[in-house]
Amino acid sequence: SNGVNGIYLHGNPTSLTMTSCYTNSNAGRGVYISDGTYMALSACASDS
């Protein structure tokens, strides 16, 4: 229920992990990754 994105990672995020994260009912993207490198998302959900 945020006005832009749920989780926004940008500016070349590197070697980052997201585990069991949940985004819901955000006005923009649930998960927005810009120019990410070597990243792993596991068991995440992005709904509505």
ModelCIF file with pLDDT and N, C-alpha, C, O atoms, coordinates in Angstrom:
data_MODEL
#
_entry.id   MODEL 
#
_entity.id                         1 
_entity.type                       polymer 
_entity.pdbx_number_of_molecules   1 
#
_entity_poly.entity_id                      1 
_entity_poly.type                           'polypeptide(L)' 
_entity_poly.nstd_linkage                   no 
_entity_poly.nstd_monomer                   no 
_entity_poly.pdbx_seq_one_letter_code       SNGVNGIYLHGNPTSLTMTSCYTNSNAGRGVYISDGTYMALSACASDS 
_entity_poly.pdbx_seq_one_letter_code_can   SNGVNGIYLHGNPTSLTMTSCYTNSNAGRGVYISDGTYMALSACASDS 
_entity_poly.pdbx_strand_id                 A 
#
loop_
_entity_poly_seq.entity_id 
_entity_poly_seq.num 
_entity_poly_seq.mon_id 
_entity_poly_seq.hetero 
1 1  SER n 
1 2  ASN n 
1 3  GLY n 
1 4  VAL n 
1 5  ASN n 
1 6  GLY n 
1 7  ILE n 
1 8  TYR n 
1 9  LEU n 
1 10 HIS n 
1 11 GLY n 
1 12 ASN n 
1 13 PRO n 
1 14 THR n 
1 15 SER n 
1 16 LEU n 
1 17 THR n 
1 18 MET n 
1 19 THR n 
1 20 SER n 
1 21 CYS n 
1 22 TYR n 
1 23 THR n 
1 24 ASN n 
1 25 SER n 
1 26 ASN n 
1 27 ALA n 
1 28 GLY n 
1 29 ARG n 
1 30 GLY n 
1 31 VAL n 
1 32 TYR n 
1 33 ILE n 
1 34 SER n 
1 35 ASP n 
1 36 GLY n 
1 37 THR n 
1 38 TYR n 
1 39 MET n 
1 40 ALA n 
1 41 LEU n 
1 42 SER n 
1 43 ALA n 
1 44 CYS n 
1 45 ALA n 
1 46 SER n 
1 47 ASP n 
1 48 SER n 
#
_struct_asym.id          A 
_struct_asym.entity_id   1 
#
loop_
_ma_qa_metric.id 
_ma_qa_metric.mode 
_ma_qa_metric.name 
_ma_qa_metric.software_group_id 
_ma_qa_metric.type 
1 global pLDDT . pLDDT 
2 local  pLDDT . pLDDT 
#
_ma_qa_metric_global.metric_id      1 
_ma_qa_metric_global.metric_value   97.42 
_ma_qa_metric_global.model_id       1 
_ma_qa_metric_global.ordinal_id     1 
#
loop_
_ma_qa_metric_local.label_asym_id 
_ma_qa_metric_local.label_comp_id 
_ma_qa_metric_local.label_seq_id 
_ma_qa_metric_local.metric_id 
_ma_qa_metric_local.metric_value 
_ma_qa_metric_local.model_id 
_ma_qa_metric_local.ordinal_id 
A SER 1  2 98.00 1 1  
A ASN 2  2 98.00 1 2  
A GLY 3  2 98.00 1 3  
A VAL 4  2 98.00 1 4  
A ASN 5  2 98.00 1 5  
A GLY 6  2 98.00 1 6  
A ILE 7  2 98.00 1 7  
A TYR 8  2 98.00 1 8  
A LEU 9  2 98.00 1 9  
A HIS 10 2 96.00 1 10 
A GLY 11 2 92.00 1 11 
A ASN 12 2 92.00 1 12 
A PRO 13 2 95.00 1 13 
A THR 14 2 96.00 1 14 
A SER 15 2 98.00 1 15 
A LEU 16 2 97.00 1 16 
A THR 17 2 98.00 1 17 
A MET 18 2 98.00 1 18 
A THR 19 2 98.00 1 19 
A SER 20 2 98.00 1 20 
A CYS 21 2 98.00 1 21 
A TYR 22 2 98.00 1 22 
A THR 23 2 98.00 1 23 
A ASN 24 2 98.00 1 24 
A SER 25 2 98.00 1 25 
A ASN 26 2 98.00 1 26 
A ALA 27 2 98.00 1 27 
A GLY 28 2 98.00 1 28 
A ARG 29 2 98.00 1 29 
A GLY 30 2 98.00 1 30 
A VAL 31 2 98.00 1 31 
A TYR 32 2 98.00 1 32 
A ILE 33 2 98.00 1 33 
A SER 34 2 97.00 1 34 
A ASP 35 2 96.00 1 35 
A GLY 36 2 96.00 1 36 
A THR 37 2 96.00 1 37 
A TYR 38 2 97.00 1 38 
A MET 39 2 98.00 1 39 
A ALA 40 2 98.00 1 40 
A LEU 41 2 98.00 1 41 
A SER 42 2 98.00 1 42 
A ALA 43 2 98.00 1 43 
A CYS 44 2 98.00 1 44 
A ALA 45 2 98.00 1 45 
A SER 46 2 98.00 1 46 
A ASP 47 2 98.00 1 47 
A SER 48 2 98.00 1 48 
#
loop_
_atom_site.group_PDB 
_atom_site.id 
_atom_site.type_symbol 
_atom_site.label_atom_id 
_atom_site.label_alt_id 
_atom_site.label_comp_id 
_atom_site.label_asym_id 
_atom_site.label_entity_id 
_atom_site.label_seq_id 
_atom_site.pdbx_PDB_ins_code 
_atom_site.Cartn_x 
_atom_site.Cartn_y 
_atom_site.Cartn_z 
_atom_site.occupancy 
_atom_site.B_iso_or_equiv 
_atom_site.pdbx_formal_charge 
_atom_site.auth_seq_id 
_atom_site.auth_comp_id 
_atom_site.auth_asym_id 
_atom_site.auth_atom_id 
_atom_site.pdbx_PDB_model_num 
ATOM 1   N N  . SER A 1 1  ? 0.815  -1.223  0.000   1.00 98.00 ? 1  SER A N  1 
ATOM 2   C CA . SER A 1 1  ? 0.000  0.000   0.000   1.00 98.00 ? 1  SER A CA 1 
ATOM 3   C C  . SER A 1 1  ? 0.841  1.262   0.000   1.00 98.00 ? 1  SER A C  1 
ATOM 4   O O  . SER A 1 1  ? 0.523  2.232   0.689   1.00 98.00 ? 1  SER A O  1 
ATOM 5   N N  . ASN A 1 2  ? 1.929  1.246   -0.785  1.00 98.00 ? 2  ASN A N  1 
ATOM 6   C CA . ASN A 1 2  ? 2.760  2.434   -0.934  1.00 98.00 ? 2  ASN A CA 1 
ATOM 7   C C  . ASN A 1 2  ? 2.429  3.151   -2.246  1.00 98.00 ? 2  ASN A C  1 
ATOM 8   O O  . ASN A 1 2  ? 1.926  2.532   -3.184  1.00 98.00 ? 2  ASN A O  1 
ATOM 9   N N  . GLY A 1 3  ? 2.712  4.452   -2.308  1.00 98.00 ? 3  GLY A N  1 
ATOM 10  C CA . GLY A 1 3  ? 2.295  5.257   -3.436  1.00 98.00 ? 3  GLY A CA 1 
ATOM 11  C C  . GLY A 1 3  ? 3.117  5.103   -4.692  1.00 98.00 ? 3  GLY A C  1 
ATOM 12  O O  . GLY A 1 3  ? 2.672  5.499   -5.770  1.00 98.00 ? 3  GLY A O  1 
ATOM 13  N N  . VAL A 1 4  ? 4.314  4.535   -4.582  1.00 98.00 ? 4  VAL A N  1 
ATOM 14  C CA . VAL A 1 4  ? 5.154  4.326   -5.768  1.00 98.00 ? 4  VAL A CA 1 
ATOM 15  C C  . VAL A 1 4  ? 5.435  2.832   -5.895  1.00 98.00 ? 4  VAL A C  1 
ATOM 16  O O  . VAL A 1 4  ? 4.559  2.083   -6.327  1.00 98.00 ? 4  VAL A O  1 
ATOM 17  N N  . ASN A 1 5  ? 6.617  2.386   -5.535  1.00 98.00 ? 5  ASN A N  1 
ATOM 18  C CA . ASN A 1 5  ? 6.960  0.971   -5.647  1.00 98.00 ? 5  ASN A CA 1 
ATOM 19  C C  . ASN A 1 5  ? 7.003  0.299   -4.274  1.00 98.00 ? 5  ASN A C  1 
ATOM 20  O O  . ASN A 1 5  ? 7.107  0.955   -3.238  1.00 98.00 ? 5  ASN A O  1 
ATOM 21  N N  . GLY A 1 6  ? 6.920  -1.031  -4.305  1.00 98.00 ? 6  GLY A N  1 
ATOM 22  C CA . GLY A 1 6  ? 7.116  -1.767  -3.070  1.00 98.00 ? 6  GLY A CA 1 
ATOM 23  C C  . GLY A 1 6  ? 8.583  -1.759  -2.685  1.00 98.00 ? 6  GLY A C  1 
ATOM 24  O O  . GLY A 1 6  ? 8.966  -1.176  -1.671  1.00 98.00 ? 6  GLY A O  1 
ATOM 25  N N  . ILE A 1 7  ? 9.406  -2.414  -3.504  1.00 98.00 ? 7  ILE A N  1 
ATOM 26  C CA . ILE A 1 7  ? 10.861 -2.466  -3.293  1.00 98.00 ? 7  ILE A CA 1 
ATOM 27  C C  . ILE A 1 7  ? 11.537 -1.936  -4.555  1.00 98.00 ? 7  ILE A C  1 
ATOM 28  O O  . ILE A 1 7  ? 11.335 -2.480  -5.642  1.00 98.00 ? 7  ILE A O  1 
ATOM 29  N N  . TYR A 1 8  ? 12.328 -0.893  -4.420  1.00 98.00 ? 8  TYR A N  1 
ATOM 30  C CA . TYR A 1 8  ? 13.011 -0.251  -5.549  1.00 98.00 ? 8  TYR A CA 1 
ATOM 31  C C  . TYR A 1 8  ? 14.516 -0.292  -5.293  1.00 98.00 ? 8  TYR A C  1 
ATOM 32  O O  . TYR A 1 8  ? 15.012 0.332   -4.355  1.00 98.00 ? 8  TYR A O  1 
ATOM 33  N N  . LEU A 1 9  ? 15.237 -1.032  -6.135  1.00 98.00 ? 9  LEU A N  1 
ATOM 34  C CA . LEU A 1 9  ? 16.692 -1.182  -6.025  1.00 98.00 ? 9  LEU A CA 1 
ATOM 35  C C  . LEU A 1 9  ? 17.306 -0.645  -7.310  1.00 98.00 ? 9  LEU A C  1 
ATOM 36  O O  . LEU A 1 9  ? 16.983 -1.123  -8.398  1.00 98.00 ? 9  LEU A O  1 
ATOM 37  N N  . HIS A 1 10 ? 18.184 0.340   -7.194  1.00 96.00 ? 10 HIS A N  1 
ATOM 38  C CA . HIS A 1 10 ? 18.696 1.002   -8.393  1.00 96.00 ? 10 HIS A CA 1 
ATOM 39  C C  . HIS A 1 10 ? 20.116 1.498   -8.166  1.00 96.00 ? 10 HIS A C  1 
ATOM 40  O O  . HIS A 1 10 ? 20.677 1.337   -7.082  1.00 96.00 ? 10 HIS A O  1 
ATOM 41  N N  . GLY A 1 11 ? 20.699 2.113   -9.219  1.00 92.00 ? 11 GLY A N  1 
ATOM 42  C CA . GLY A 1 11 ? 22.063 2.598   -9.114  1.00 92.00 ? 11 GLY A CA 1 
ATOM 43  C C  . GLY A 1 11 ? 23.093 1.476   -9.103  1.00 92.00 ? 11 GLY A C  1 
ATOM 44  O O  . GLY A 1 11 ? 24.102 1.569   -8.405  1.00 92.00 ? 11 GLY A O  1 
ATOM 45  N N  . ASN A 1 12 ? 22.845 0.402   -9.880  1.00 92.00 ? 12 ASN A N  1 
ATOM 46  C CA . ASN A 1 12 ? 23.735 -0.757  -9.956  1.00 92.00 ? 12 ASN A CA 1 
ATOM 47  C C  . ASN A 1 12 ? 23.845 -1.533  -8.644  1.00 92.00 ? 12 ASN A C  1 
ATOM 48  O O  . ASN A 1 12 ? 24.946 -1.717  -8.126  1.00 92.00 ? 12 ASN A O  1 
ATOM 49  N N  . PRO A 1 13 ? 22.722 -1.986  -8.108  1.00 95.00 ? 13 PRO A N  1 
ATOM 50  C CA . PRO A 1 13 ? 22.785 -2.898  -6.946  1.00 95.00 ? 13 PRO A CA 1 
ATOM 51  C C  . PRO A 1 13 ? 23.520 -4.173  -7.347  1.00 95.00 ? 13 PRO A C  1 
ATOM 52  O O  . PRO A 1 13 ? 23.302 -4.701  -8.437  1.00 95.00 ? 13 PRO A O  1 
ATOM 53  N N  . THR A 1 14 ? 24.390 -4.667  -6.467  1.00 96.00 ? 14 THR A N  1 
ATOM 54  C CA . THR A 1 14 ? 25.279 -5.781  -6.822  1.00 96.00 ? 14 THR A CA 1 
ATOM 55  C C  . THR A 1 14 ? 25.372 -6.791  -5.684  1.00 96.00 ? 14 THR A C  1 
ATOM 56  O O  . THR A 1 14 ? 25.482 -6.425  -4.514  1.00 96.00 ? 14 THR A O  1 
ATOM 57  N N  . SER A 1 15 ? 25.326 -8.067  -6.051  1.00 98.00 ? 15 SER A N  1 
ATOM 58  C CA . SER A 1 15 ? 25.490 -9.151  -5.068  1.00 98.00 ? 15 SER A CA 1 
ATOM 59  C C  . SER A 1 15 ? 24.503 -9.000  -3.914  1.00 98.00 ? 15 SER A C  1 
ATOM 60  O O  . SER A 1 15 ? 24.883 -8.979  -2.743  1.00 98.00 ? 15 SER A O  1 
ATOM 61  N N  . LEU A 1 16 ? 23.247 -8.897  -4.274  1.00 97.00 ? 16 LEU A N  1 
ATOM 62  C CA . LEU A 1 16 ? 22.182 -8.710  -3.297  1.00 97.00 ? 16 LEU A CA 1 
ATOM 63  C C  . LEU A 1 16 ? 21.207 -9.872  -3.384  1.00 97.00 ? 16 LEU A C  1 
ATOM 64  O O  . LEU A 1 16 ? 20.895 -10.346 -4.476  1.00 97.00 ? 16 LEU A O  1 
ATOM 65  N N  . THR A 1 17 ? 20.725 -10.330 -2.234  1.00 98.00 ? 17 THR A N  1 
ATOM 66  C CA . THR A 1 17 ? 19.730 -11.399 -2.209  1.00 98.00 ? 17 THR A CA 1 
ATOM 67  C C  . THR A 1 17 ? 18.432 -10.903 -1.589  1.00 98.00 ? 17 THR A C  1 
ATOM 68  O O  . THR A 1 17 ? 18.437 -10.122 -0.637  1.00 98.00 ? 17 THR A O  1 
ATOM 69  N N  . MET A 1 18 ? 17.319 -11.371 -2.148  1.00 98.00 ? 18 MET A N  1 
ATOM 70  C CA . MET A 1 18 ? 15.989 -11.147 -1.583  1.00 98.00 ? 18 MET A CA 1 
ATOM 71  C C  . MET A 1 18 ? 15.356 -12.506 -1.365  1.00 98.00 ? 18 MET A C  1 
ATOM 72  O O  . MET A 1 18 ? 15.225 -13.294 -2.302  1.00 98.00 ? 18 MET A O  1 
ATOM 73  N N  . THR A 1 19 ? 14.962 -12.783 -0.132  1.00 98.00 ? 19 THR A N  1 
ATOM 74  C CA . THR A 1 19 ? 14.388 -14.079 0.215   1.00 98.00 ? 19 THR A CA 1 
ATOM 75  C C  . THR A 1 19 ? 13.052 -13.893 0.915   1.00 98.00 ? 19 THR A C  1 
ATOM 76  O O  . THR A 1 19 ? 12.947 -13.136 1.879   1.00 98.00 ? 19 THR A O  1 
ATOM 77  N N  . SER A 1 20 ? 12.035 -14.585 0.425   1.00 98.00 ? 20 SER A N  1 
ATOM 78  C CA . SER A 1 20 ? 10.706 -14.581 1.059   1.00 98.00 ? 20 SER A CA 1 
ATOM 79  C C  . SER A 1 20 ? 10.172 -13.174 1.276   1.00 98.00 ? 20 SER A C  1 
ATOM 80  O O  . SER A 1 20 ? 9.593  -12.879 2.321   1.00 98.00 ? 20 SER A O  1 
ATOM 81  N N  . CYS A 1 21 ? 10.368 -12.306 0.286   1.00 98.00 ? 21 CYS A N  1 
ATOM 82  C CA . CYS A 1 21 ? 9.835  -10.945 0.365   1.00 98.00 ? 21 CYS A CA 1 
ATOM 83  C C  . CYS A 1 21 ? 8.470  -10.894 -0.322  1.00 98.00 ? 21 CYS A C  1 
ATOM 84  O O  . CYS A 1 21 ? 8.195  -11.664 -1.242  1.00 98.00 ? 21 CYS A O  1 
ATOM 85  N N  . TYR A 1 22 ? 7.632  -9.983  0.135   1.00 98.00 ? 22 TYR A N  1 
ATOM 86  C CA . TYR A 1 22 ? 6.265  -9.893  -0.376  1.00 98.00 ? 22 TYR A CA 1 
ATOM 87  C C  . TYR A 1 22 ? 5.900  -8.433  -0.602  1.00 98.00 ? 22 TYR A C  1 
ATOM 88  O O  . TYR A 1 22 ? 6.077  -7.593  0.280   1.00 98.00 ? 22 TYR A O  1 
ATOM 89  N N  . THR A 1 23 ? 5.388  -8.141  -1.796  1.00 98.00 ? 23 THR A N  1 
ATOM 90  C CA . THR A 1 23 ? 4.899  -6.799  -2.086  1.00 98.00 ? 23 THR A CA 1 
ATOM 91  C C  . THR A 1 23 ? 3.440  -6.905  -2.514  1.00 98.00 ? 23 THR A C  1 
ATOM 92  O O  . THR A 1 23 ? 3.063  -7.816  -3.250  1.00 98.00 ? 23 THR A O  1 
ATOM 93  N N  . ASN A 1 24 ? 2.625  -5.963  -2.045  1.00 98.00 ? 24 ASN A N  1 
ATOM 94  C CA . ASN A 1 24 ? 1.191  -6.074  -2.286  1.00 98.00 ? 24 ASN A CA 1 
ATOM 95  C C  . ASN A 1 24 ? 0.539  -4.688  -2.359  1.00 98.00 ? 24 ASN A C  1 
ATOM 96  O O  . ASN A 1 24 ? 0.771  -3.827  -1.511  1.00 98.00 ? 24 ASN A O  1 
ATOM 97  N N  . SER A 1 25 ? -0.279 -4.500  -3.392  1.00 98.00 ? 25 SER A N  1 
ATOM 98  C CA . SER A 1 25 ? -1.136 -3.302  -3.502  1.00 98.00 ? 25 SER A CA 1 
ATOM 99  C C  . SER A 1 25 ? -0.346 -1.995  -3.499  1.00 98.00 ? 25 SER A C  1 
ATOM 100 O O  . SER A 1 25 ? -0.779 -1.002  -2.914  1.00 98.00 ? 25 SER A O  1 
ATOM 101 N N  . ASN A 1 26 ? 0.815  -2.001  -4.158  1.00 98.00 ? 26 ASN A N  1 
ATOM 102 C CA . ASN A 1 26 ? 1.560  -0.761  -4.349  1.00 98.00 ? 26 ASN A CA 1 
ATOM 103 C C  . ASN A 1 26 ? 1.148  -0.129  -5.680  1.00 98.00 ? 26 ASN A C  1 
ATOM 104 O O  . ASN A 1 26 ? 0.814  -0.841  -6.627  1.00 98.00 ? 26 ASN A O  1 
ATOM 105 N N  . ALA A 1 27 ? 1.171  1.197   -5.755  1.00 98.00 ? 27 ALA A N  1 
ATOM 106 C CA . ALA A 1 27 ? 0.661  1.879   -6.941  1.00 98.00 ? 27 ALA A CA 1 
ATOM 107 C C  . ALA A 1 27 ? 1.533  1.654   -8.174  1.00 98.00 ? 27 ALA A C  1 
ATOM 108 O O  . ALA A 1 27 ? 1.035  1.704   -9.299  1.00 98.00 ? 27 ALA A O  1 
ATOM 109 N N  . GLY A 1 28 ? 2.825  1.407   -7.977  1.00 98.00 ? 28 GLY A N  1 
ATOM 110 C CA . GLY A 1 28 ? 3.732  1.156   -9.087  1.00 98.00 ? 28 GLY A CA 1 
ATOM 111 C C  . GLY A 1 28 ? 4.112  -0.310  -9.186  1.00 98.00 ? 28 GLY A C  1 
ATOM 112 O O  . GLY A 1 28 ? 3.240  -1.179  -9.210  1.00 98.00 ? 28 GLY A O  1 
ATOM 113 N N  . ARG A 1 29 ? 5.388  -0.586  -9.243  1.00 98.00 ? 29 ARG A N  1 
ATOM 114 C CA . ARG A 1 29 ? 5.871  -1.956  -9.322  1.00 98.00 ? 29 ARG A CA 1 
ATOM 115 C C  . ARG A 1 29 ? 5.956  -2.573  -7.932  1.00 98.00 ? 29 ARG A C  1 
ATOM 116 O O  . ARG A 1 29 ? 6.230  -1.888  -6.947  1.00 98.00 ? 29 ARG A O  1 
ATOM 117 N N  . GLY A 1 30 ? 5.721  -3.854  -7.875  1.00 98.00 ? 30 GLY A N  1 
ATOM 118 C CA . GLY A 1 30 ? 5.964  -4.543  -6.616  1.00 98.00 ? 30 GLY A CA 1 
ATOM 119 C C  . GLY A 1 30 ? 7.449  -4.594  -6.324  1.00 98.00 ? 30 GLY A C  1 
ATOM 120 O O  . GLY A 1 30 ? 7.893  -4.231  -5.234  1.00 98.00 ? 30 GLY A O  1 
ATOM 121 N N  . VAL A 1 31 ? 8.222  -5.051  -7.315  1.00 98.00 ? 31 VAL A N  1 
ATOM 122 C CA . VAL A 1 31 ? 9.687  -5.084  -7.233  1.00 98.00 ? 31 VAL A CA 1 
ATOM 123 C C  . VAL A 1 31 ? 10.237 -4.436  -8.496  1.00 98.00 ? 31 VAL A C  1 
ATOM 124 O O  . VAL A 1 31 ? 9.915  -4.863  -9.605  1.00 98.00 ? 31 VAL A O  1 
ATOM 125 N N  . TYR A 1 32 ? 11.052 -3.425  -8.335  1.00 98.00 ? 32 TYR A N  1 
ATOM 126 C CA . TYR A 1 32 ? 11.647 -2.710  -9.465  1.00 98.00 ? 32 TYR A CA 1 
ATOM 127 C C  . TYR A 1 32 ? 13.159 -2.707  -9.281  1.00 98.00 ? 32 TYR A C  1 
ATOM 128 O O  . TYR A 1 32 ? 13.673 -2.130  -8.323  1.00 98.00 ? 32 TYR A O  1 
ATOM 129 N N  . ILE A 1 33 ? 13.876 -3.362  -10.211 1.00 98.00 ? 33 ILE A N  1 
ATOM 130 C CA . ILE A 1 33 ? 15.334 -3.459  -10.143 1.00 98.00 ? 33 ILE A CA 1 
ATOM 131 C C  . ILE A 1 33 ? 15.915 -2.814  -11.393 1.00 98.00 ? 33 ILE A C  1 
ATOM 132 O O  . ILE A 1 33 ? 15.609 -3.229  -12.512 1.00 98.00 ? 33 ILE A O  1 
ATOM 133 N N  . SER A 1 34 ? 16.749 -1.804  -11.204 1.00 97.00 ? 34 SER A N  1 
ATOM 134 C CA . SER A 1 34 ? 17.364 -1.093  -12.319 1.00 97.00 ? 34 SER A CA 1 
ATOM 135 C C  . SER A 1 34 ? 18.874 -1.289  -12.290 1.00 97.00 ? 34 SER A C  1 
ATOM 136 O O  . SER A 1 34 ? 19.537 -0.950  -11.309 1.00 97.00 ? 34 SER A O  1 
ATOM 137 N N  . ASP A 1 35 ? 19.414 -1.845  -13.385 1.00 96.00 ? 35 ASP A N  1 
ATOM 138 C CA . ASP A 1 35 ? 20.865 -2.048  -13.549 1.00 96.00 ? 35 ASP A CA 1 
ATOM 139 C C  . ASP A 1 35 ? 21.453 -2.925  -12.454 1.00 96.00 ? 35 ASP A C  1 
ATOM 140 O O  . ASP A 1 35 ? 22.552 -2.662  -11.965 1.00 96.00 ? 35 ASP A O  1 
ATOM 141 N N  . GLY A 1 36 ? 20.725 -3.964  -12.069 1.00 96.00 ? 36 GLY A N  1 
ATOM 142 C CA . GLY A 1 36 ? 21.206 -4.887  -11.047 1.00 96.00 ? 36 GLY A CA 1 
ATOM 143 C C  . GLY A 1 36 ? 22.203 -5.895  -11.623 1.00 96.00 ? 36 GLY A C  1 
ATOM 144 O O  . GLY A 1 36 ? 22.110 -6.275  -12.790 1.00 96.00 ? 36 GLY A O  1 
ATOM 145 N N  . THR A 1 37 ? 23.148 -6.318  -10.799 1.00 96.00 ? 37 THR A N  1 
ATOM 146 C CA . THR A 1 37 ? 24.175 -7.272  -11.211 1.00 96.00 ? 37 THR A CA 1 
ATOM 147 C C  . THR A 1 37 ? 24.354 -8.333  -10.130 1.00 96.00 ? 37 THR A C  1 
ATOM 148 O O  . THR A 1 37 ? 24.494 -8.015  -8.949  1.00 96.00 ? 37 THR A O  1 
ATOM 149 N N  . TYR A 1 38 ? 24.348 -9.605  -10.552 1.00 97.00 ? 38 TYR A N  1 
ATOM 150 C CA . TYR A 1 38 ? 24.579 -10.727 -9.639  1.00 97.00 ? 38 TYR A CA 1 
ATOM 151 C C  . TYR A 1 38 ? 23.611 -10.681 -8.451  1.00 97.00 ? 38 TYR A C  1 
ATOM 152 O O  . TYR A 1 38 ? 24.019 -10.513 -7.301  1.00 97.00 ? 38 TYR A O  1 
ATOM 153 N N  . MET A 1 39 ? 22.354 -10.831 -8.752  1.00 98.00 ? 39 MET A N  1 
ATOM 154 C CA . MET A 1 39 ? 21.322 -10.765 -7.730  1.00 98.00 ? 39 MET A CA 1 
ATOM 155 C C  . MET A 1 39 ? 20.464 -12.016 -7.776  1.00 98.00 ? 39 MET A C  1 
ATOM 156 O O  . MET A 1 39 ? 20.258 -12.599 -8.841  1.00 98.00 ? 39 MET A O  1 
ATOM 157 N N  . ALA A 1 40 ? 19.961 -12.431 -6.605  1.00 98.00 ? 40 ALA A N  1 
ATOM 158 C CA . ALA A 1 40 ? 19.115 -13.618 -6.525  1.00 98.00 ? 40 ALA A CA 1 
ATOM 159 C C  . ALA A 1 40 ? 17.864 -13.307 -5.717  1.00 98.00 ? 40 ALA A C  1 
ATOM 160 O O  . ALA A 1 40 ? 17.940 -12.849 -4.577  1.00 98.00 ? 40 ALA A O  1 
ATOM 161 N N  . LEU A 1 41 ? 16.704 -13.566 -6.332  1.00 98.00 ? 41 LEU A N  1 
ATOM 162 C CA . LEU A 1 41 ? 15.413 -13.450 -5.657  1.00 98.00 ? 41 LEU A CA 1 
ATOM 163 C C  . LEU A 1 41 ? 14.852 -14.850 -5.508  1.00 98.00 ? 41 LEU A C  1 
ATOM 164 O O  . LEU A 1 41 ? 14.718 -15.580 -6.491  1.00 98.00 ? 41 LEU A O  1 
ATOM 165 N N  . SER A 1 42 ? 14.519 -15.230 -4.269  1.00 98.00 ? 42 SER A N  1 
ATOM 166 C CA . SER A 1 42 ? 14.048 -16.584 -3.997  1.00 98.00 ? 42 SER A CA 1 
ATOM 167 C C  . SER A 1 42 ? 12.766 -16.555 -3.185  1.00 98.00 ? 42 SER A C  1 
ATOM 168 O O  . SER A 1 42 ? 12.679 -15.882 -2.157  1.00 98.00 ? 42 SER A O  1 
ATOM 169 N N  . ALA A 1 43 ? 11.756 -17.305 -3.665  1.00 98.00 ? 43 ALA A N  1 
ATOM 170 C CA . ALA A 1 43 ? 10.486 -17.462 -2.944  1.00 98.00 ? 43 ALA A CA 1 
ATOM 171 C C  . ALA A 1 43 ? 9.850  -16.124 -2.603  1.00 98.00 ? 43 ALA A C  1 
ATOM 172 O O  . ALA A 1 43 ? 9.340  -15.935 -1.498  1.00 98.00 ? 43 ALA A O  1 
ATOM 173 N N  . CYS A 1 44 ? 9.879  -15.188 -3.562  1.00 98.00 ? 44 CYS A N  1 
ATOM 174 C CA . CYS A 1 44 ? 9.248  -13.882 -3.378  1.00 98.00 ? 44 CYS A CA 1 
ATOM 175 C C  . CYS A 1 44 ? 7.905  -13.847 -4.095  1.00 98.00 ? 44 CYS A C  1 
ATOM 176 O O  . CYS A 1 44 ? 7.710  -14.547 -5.089  1.00 98.00 ? 44 CYS A O  1 
ATOM 177 N N  . ALA A 1 45 ? 6.983  -13.033 -3.595  1.00 98.00 ? 45 ALA A N  1 
ATOM 178 C CA . ALA A 1 45 ? 5.670  -12.879 -4.211  1.00 98.00 ? 45 ALA A CA 1 
ATOM 179 C C  . ALA A 1 45 ? 5.362  -11.404 -4.382  1.00 98.00 ? 45 ALA A C  1 
ATOM 180 O O  . ALA A 1 45 ? 5.721  -10.575 -3.545  1.00 98.00 ? 45 ALA A O  1 
ATOM 181 N N  . SER A 1 46 ? 4.679  -11.086 -5.499  1.00 98.00 ? 46 SER A N  1 
ATOM 182 C CA . SER A 1 46 ? 4.316  -9.714  -5.803  1.00 98.00 ? 46 SER A CA 1 
ATOM 183 C C  . SER A 1 46 ? 2.882  -9.711  -6.310  1.00 98.00 ? 46 SER A C  1 
ATOM 184 O O  . SER A 1 46 ? 2.633  -10.092 -7.454  1.00 98.00 ? 46 SER A O  1 
ATOM 185 N N  . ASP A 1 47 ? 1.939  -9.289  -5.485  1.00 98.00 ? 47 ASP A N  1 
ATOM 186 C CA . ASP A 1 47 ? 0.525  -9.410  -5.800  1.00 98.00 ? 47 ASP A CA 1 
ATOM 187 C C  . ASP A 1 47 ? -0.178 -8.059  -5.811  1.00 98.00 ? 47 ASP A C  1 
ATOM 188 O O  . ASP A 1 47 ? 0.110  -7.188  -4.990  1.00 98.00 ? 47 ASP A O  1 
ATOM 189 N N  . SER A 1 48 ? -1.104 -7.898  -6.754  1.00 98.00 ? 48 SER A N  1 
ATOM 190 C CA . SER A 1 48 ? -2.019 -6.746  -6.797  1.00 98.00 ? 48 SER A CA 1 
ATOM 191 C C  . SER A 1 48 ? -1.295 -5.410  -6.886  1.00 98.00 ? 48 SER A C  1 
ATOM 192 O O  . SER A 1 48 ? -1.938 -4.361  -6.930  1.00 98.00 ? 48 SER A O  1 
#
